[in-house]
Amino acid sequence: MRNSALILCLALAGAGSAWAHNCPNEMKAIDAKLATKPALSKEDADKVAKLRADGEAQHKAGKHTESMTSLGEAKKLLGI
C-alpha cells in the first residue's frame, strides 16, 4: 500500500512538472500566430500582447497555472 501511495505521489509531481514546462510551447504558438499578422482589432491586439507578457512573467515567477490561464486567453483571442 505504501508503494502505491509513493508511486501516485511521484506521478502527480511529474504531471505538475510537465504542465509547468508547457508554458514556453504556448508562448511559441502565440508568437507564431502573431508573426502571421492576424486580423485583430487594436483592442484585441493590445489584449493579446498583454496576456502574452503576463503569461511569460507568471511562468518566470513559477506561477504556471496562472501563466497557462493568461496564455490560453491570448490563444482564444487569436483563434488557436
Protein backbone atom coordinates (compact mmCIF):
# COMPACT_ATOMS: atom_id res chain seq x y z
CA MET A 1 0.00 0.00 0.00
CA ARG A 2 2.83 2.40 0.81
CA ASN A 3 4.44 1.70 -2.55
CA SER A 4 1.18 2.55 -4.32
CA ALA A 5 0.93 5.84 -2.46
CA LEU A 6 4.56 6.67 -3.27
CA ILE A 7 4.06 5.88 -6.95
CA LEU A 8 0.94 8.04 -7.05
CA CYS A 9 2.75 10.96 -5.42
CA LEU A 10 5.65 10.70 -7.85
CA ALA A 11 3.30 10.52 -10.82
CA LEU A 12 1.42 13.61 -9.69
CA ALA A 13 4.66 15.50 -9.11
CA GLY A 14 5.78 14.60 -12.62
CA ALA A 15 2.48 15.76 -14.08
CA GLY A 16 2.92 19.16 -12.44
CA SER A 17 6.37 19.49 -13.92
CA ALA A 18 5.11 18.59 -17.38
CA TRP A 19 2.36 21.21 -17.09
CA ALA A 20 4.88 23.84 -16.00
CA HIS A 21 7.10 23.18 -18.97
CA ASN A 22 4.25 23.65 -21.43
CA CYS A 23 4.16 27.42 -20.90
CA PRO A 24 7.03 28.04 -23.35
CA ASN A 25 5.26 25.98 -26.01
CA GLU A 26 2.13 28.05 -25.55
CA MET A 27 4.16 31.25 -25.88
CA LYS A 28 5.77 29.92 -29.07
CA ALA A 29 2.33 29.14 -30.53
CA ILE A 30 1.15 32.68 -29.75
CA ASP A 31 4.32 34.19 -31.23
CA ALA A 32 3.97 32.09 -34.38
CA LYS A 33 0.38 33.23 -34.86
CA LEU A 34 1.32 36.87 -34.23
CA ALA A 35 4.04 36.56 -36.87
CA THR A 36 1.32 35.91 -39.47
CA LYS A 37 -0.16 39.36 -38.73
CA PRO A 38 -3.66 38.13 -37.81
CA ALA A 39 -6.57 40.48 -38.42
CA LEU A 40 -7.32 41.75 -34.92
CA SER A 41 -8.82 44.97 -33.68
CA LYS A 42 -6.37 47.25 -31.89
CA GLU A 43 -8.14 46.43 -28.64
CA ASP A 44 -7.76 42.67 -29.15
CA ALA A 45 -4.16 43.02 -30.35
CA ASP A 46 -3.30 45.01 -27.23
CA LYS A 47 -5.06 42.46 -25.03
CA VAL A 48 -3.19 39.57 -26.67
CA ALA A 49 0.12 41.37 -26.18
CA LYS A 50 -0.66 42.00 -22.50
CA LEU A 51 -1.82 38.43 -21.89
CA ARG A 52 1.30 37.08 -23.62
CA ALA A 53 3.56 39.29 -21.50
CA ASP A 54 1.65 38.43 -18.33
CA GLY A 55 1.89 34.72 -19.14
CA GLU A 56 5.65 34.91 -19.57
CA ALA A 57 6.09 36.88 -16.35
CA GLN A 58 3.90 34.42 -14.46
CA HIS A 59 5.86 31.50 -15.89
CA LYS A 60 9.16 33.05 -14.80
CA ALA A 61 7.70 33.62 -11.32
CA GLY A 62 6.75 29.94 -11.09
CA LYS A 63 3.02 30.66 -11.32
CA HIS A 64 2.39 28.13 -14.06
CA THR A 65 -1.36 27.74 -13.57
CA GLU A 66 -1.85 31.48 -13.88
CA SER A 67 0.52 31.55 -16.84
CA MET A 68 -1.43 28.86 -18.67
CA THR A 69 -4.66 30.75 -17.99
CA SER A 70 -3.28 34.00 -19.42
CA LEU A 71 -1.74 32.27 -22.40
CA GLY A 72 -4.95 30.33 -23.01
CA GLU A 73 -6.95 33.55 -23.12
CA ALA A 74 -4.48 35.00 -25.62
CA LYS A 75 -4.74 31.89 -27.77
CA LYS A 76 -8.53 32.08 -27.69
CA LEU A 77 -8.43 35.68 -28.95
CA LEU A 78 -6.08 34.55 -31.72
CA GLY A 79 -8.31 31.64 -32.65
CA ILE A 80 -5.76 28.95 -31.82
